[in-house]
């Protein structure tokens, strides 16, 4: 997972702990929980994007080799 995403998660957890112990801002923890849900969605999207890229590497590599061999034969 991307480093900034991990840092964001850690900062969010610290903020959530502070919000839960601070009774002056009762809605603050709800806001942070919504932010956490958005971050979860972002993590899933990032993981899916990286997974698709990794799954395509062998296909891209084969296409590149075919292109290179075609250029060698033409020369």
C-alpha atoms as a PDB file:
ATOM      1  CA  UNK A   1       0.000   0.000   0.000  1.00  0.00           C
ATOM      2  CA  UNK A   2       1.160   3.507  -0.717  1.00  0.00           C
ATOM      3  CA  UNK A   3       3.086   5.215   2.096  1.00  0.00           C
ATOM      4  CA  UNK A   4       0.925   8.325   2.254  1.00  0.00           C
ATOM      5  CA  UNK A   5      -2.151   6.120   2.584  1.00  0.00           C
ATOM      6  CA  UNK A   6      -0.636   4.352   5.592  1.00  0.00           C
ATOM      7  CA  UNK A   7       0.320   7.695   7.163  1.00  0.00           C
ATOM      8  CA  UNK A   8      -3.210   8.997   6.610  1.00  0.00           C
ATOM      9  CA  UNK A   9      -4.657   5.926   8.310  1.00  0.00           C
ATOM     10  CA  UNK A  10      -2.377   6.361  11.339  1.00  0.00           C
ATOM     11  CA  UNK A  11      -3.184  10.070  11.679  1.00  0.00           C
ATOM     12  CA  UNK A  12      -6.881   9.305  11.360  1.00  0.00           C
ATOM     13  CA  UNK A  13      -6.734   6.738  14.164  1.00  0.00           C
ATOM     14  CA  UNK A  14      -4.982   9.224  16.465  1.00  0.00           C
ATOM     15  CA  UNK A  15      -7.611  11.863  15.693  1.00  0.00           C
ATOM     16  CA  UNK A  16     -10.395   9.368  16.339  1.00  0.00           C
ATOM     17  CA  UNK A  17      -8.957   8.454  19.743  1.00  0.00           C
ATOM     18  CA  UNK A  18      -8.758  12.138  20.690  1.00  0.00           C
ATOM     19  CA  UNK A  19     -12.287  12.822  19.451  1.00  0.00           C
ATOM     20  CA  UNK A  20     -13.741   9.922  21.428  1.00  0.00           C
ATOM     21  CA  UNK A  21     -12.237  11.215  24.678  1.00  0.00           C
ATOM     22  CA  UNK A  22     -13.181  14.858  24.070  1.00  0.00           C
ATOM     23  CA  UNK A  23     -16.827  15.418  24.998  1.00  0.00           C
ATOM     24  CA  UNK A  24     -16.780  18.990  23.679  1.00  0.00           C
ATOM     25  CA  UNK A  25     -17.136  17.772  20.095  1.00  0.00           C
ATOM     26  CA  UNK A  26     -19.622  14.878  20.009  1.00  0.00           C
ATOM     27  CA  UNK A  27     -20.115  15.047  16.235  1.00  0.00           C
ATOM     28  CA  UNK A  28     -16.395  15.114  15.555  1.00  0.00           C
ATOM     29  CA  UNK A  29     -16.028  11.362  15.989  1.00  0.00           C
ATOM     30  CA  UNK A  30     -18.851  10.806  13.470  1.00  0.00           C
ATOM     31  CA  UNK A  31     -17.032  13.012  10.972  1.00  0.00           C
ATOM     32  CA  UNK A  32     -13.812  11.066  11.518  1.00  0.00           C
ATOM     33  CA  UNK A  33     -15.634   7.748  11.117  1.00  0.00           C
ATOM     34  CA  UNK A  34     -17.009   8.945   7.759  1.00  0.00           C
ATOM     35  CA  UNK A  35     -13.515  10.030   6.779  1.00  0.00           C
ATOM     36  CA  UNK A  36     -12.271   6.585   7.782  1.00  0.00           C
ATOM     37  CA  UNK A  37     -14.868   4.936   5.543  1.00  0.00           C
ATOM     38  CA  UNK A  38     -13.728   7.099   2.633  1.00  0.00           C
ATOM     39  CA  UNK A  39     -10.129   6.149   3.317  1.00  0.00           C
ATOM     40  CA  UNK A  40     -11.135   2.468   3.350  1.00  0.00           C
ATOM     41  CA  UNK A  41     -12.728   2.932  -0.078  1.00  0.00           C
ATOM     42  CA  UNK A  42      -9.601   4.642  -1.352  1.00  0.00           C
ATOM     43  CA  UNK A  43      -7.446   1.776  -0.063  1.00  0.00           C
ATOM     44  CA  UNK A  44      -9.631  -0.779  -1.828  1.00  0.00           C
ATOM     45  CA  UNK A  45      -9.530   1.183  -5.085  1.00  0.00           C
ATOM     46  CA  UNK A  46      -5.750   1.533  -4.844  1.00  0.00           C
ATOM     47  CA  UNK A  47      -5.312  -2.186  -4.141  1.00  0.00           C
ATOM     48  CA  UNK A  48      -7.544  -3.055  -7.109  1.00  0.00           C
ATOM     49  CA  UNK A  49      -5.631  -0.688  -9.424  1.00  0.00           C
ATOM     50  CA  UNK A  50      -2.272  -2.133  -8.391  1.00  0.00           C
ATOM     51  CA  UNK A  51      -3.625  -5.672  -8.686  1.00  0.00           C
ATOM     52  CA  UNK A  52      -4.832  -5.058 -12.232  1.00  0.00           C
ATOM     53  CA  UNK A  53      -1.501  -3.532 -13.192  1.00  0.00           C
ATOM     54  CA  UNK A  54       0.421  -6.486 -11.763  1.00  0.00           C
ATOM     55  CA  UNK A  55      -1.859  -8.984 -13.508  1.00  0.00           C
ATOM     56  CA  UNK A  56      -1.221  -7.205 -16.827  1.00  0.00           C
ATOM     57  CA  UNK A  57       2.580  -7.202 -16.567  1.00  0.00           C
ATOM     58  CA  UNK A  58       3.056 -10.652 -18.195  1.00  0.00           C
ATOM     59  CA  UNK A  59       0.766  -9.699 -21.095  1.00  0.00           C
ATOM     60  CA  UNK A  60       2.562  -6.383 -21.581  1.00  0.00           C
ATOM     61  CA  UNK A  61       5.939  -8.134 -21.434  1.00  0.00           C
ATOM     62  CA  UNK A  62       4.897 -10.666 -24.101  1.00  0.00           C
ATOM     63  CA  UNK A  63       3.576  -7.879 -26.331  1.00  0.00           C
ATOM     64  CA  UNK A  64       6.860  -6.005 -25.968  1.00  0.00           C
ATOM     65  CA  UNK A  65       8.866  -9.134 -26.853  1.00  0.00           C
ATOM     66  CA  UNK A  66       6.686  -9.754 -29.915  1.00  0.00           C
ATOM     67  CA  UNK A  67       7.175  -6.155 -31.007  1.00  0.00           C
ATOM     68  CA  UNK A  68      10.940  -6.386 -30.542  1.00  0.00           C
ATOM     69  CA  UNK A  69      11.175  -9.682 -32.449  1.00  0.00           C
ATOM     70  CA  UNK A  70       9.065  -8.222 -35.279  1.00  0.00           C
ATOM     71  CA  UNK A  71      11.429  -5.265 -35.572  1.00  0.00           C
ATOM     72  CA  UNK A  72      14.455  -7.580 -35.625  1.00  0.00           C
ATOM     73  CA  UNK A  73      12.929  -9.658 -38.420  1.00  0.00           C
ATOM     74  CA  UNK A  74      12.137  -6.540 -40.444  1.00  0.00           C
ATOM     75  CA  UNK A  75      15.749  -5.356 -40.187  1.00  0.00           C
END
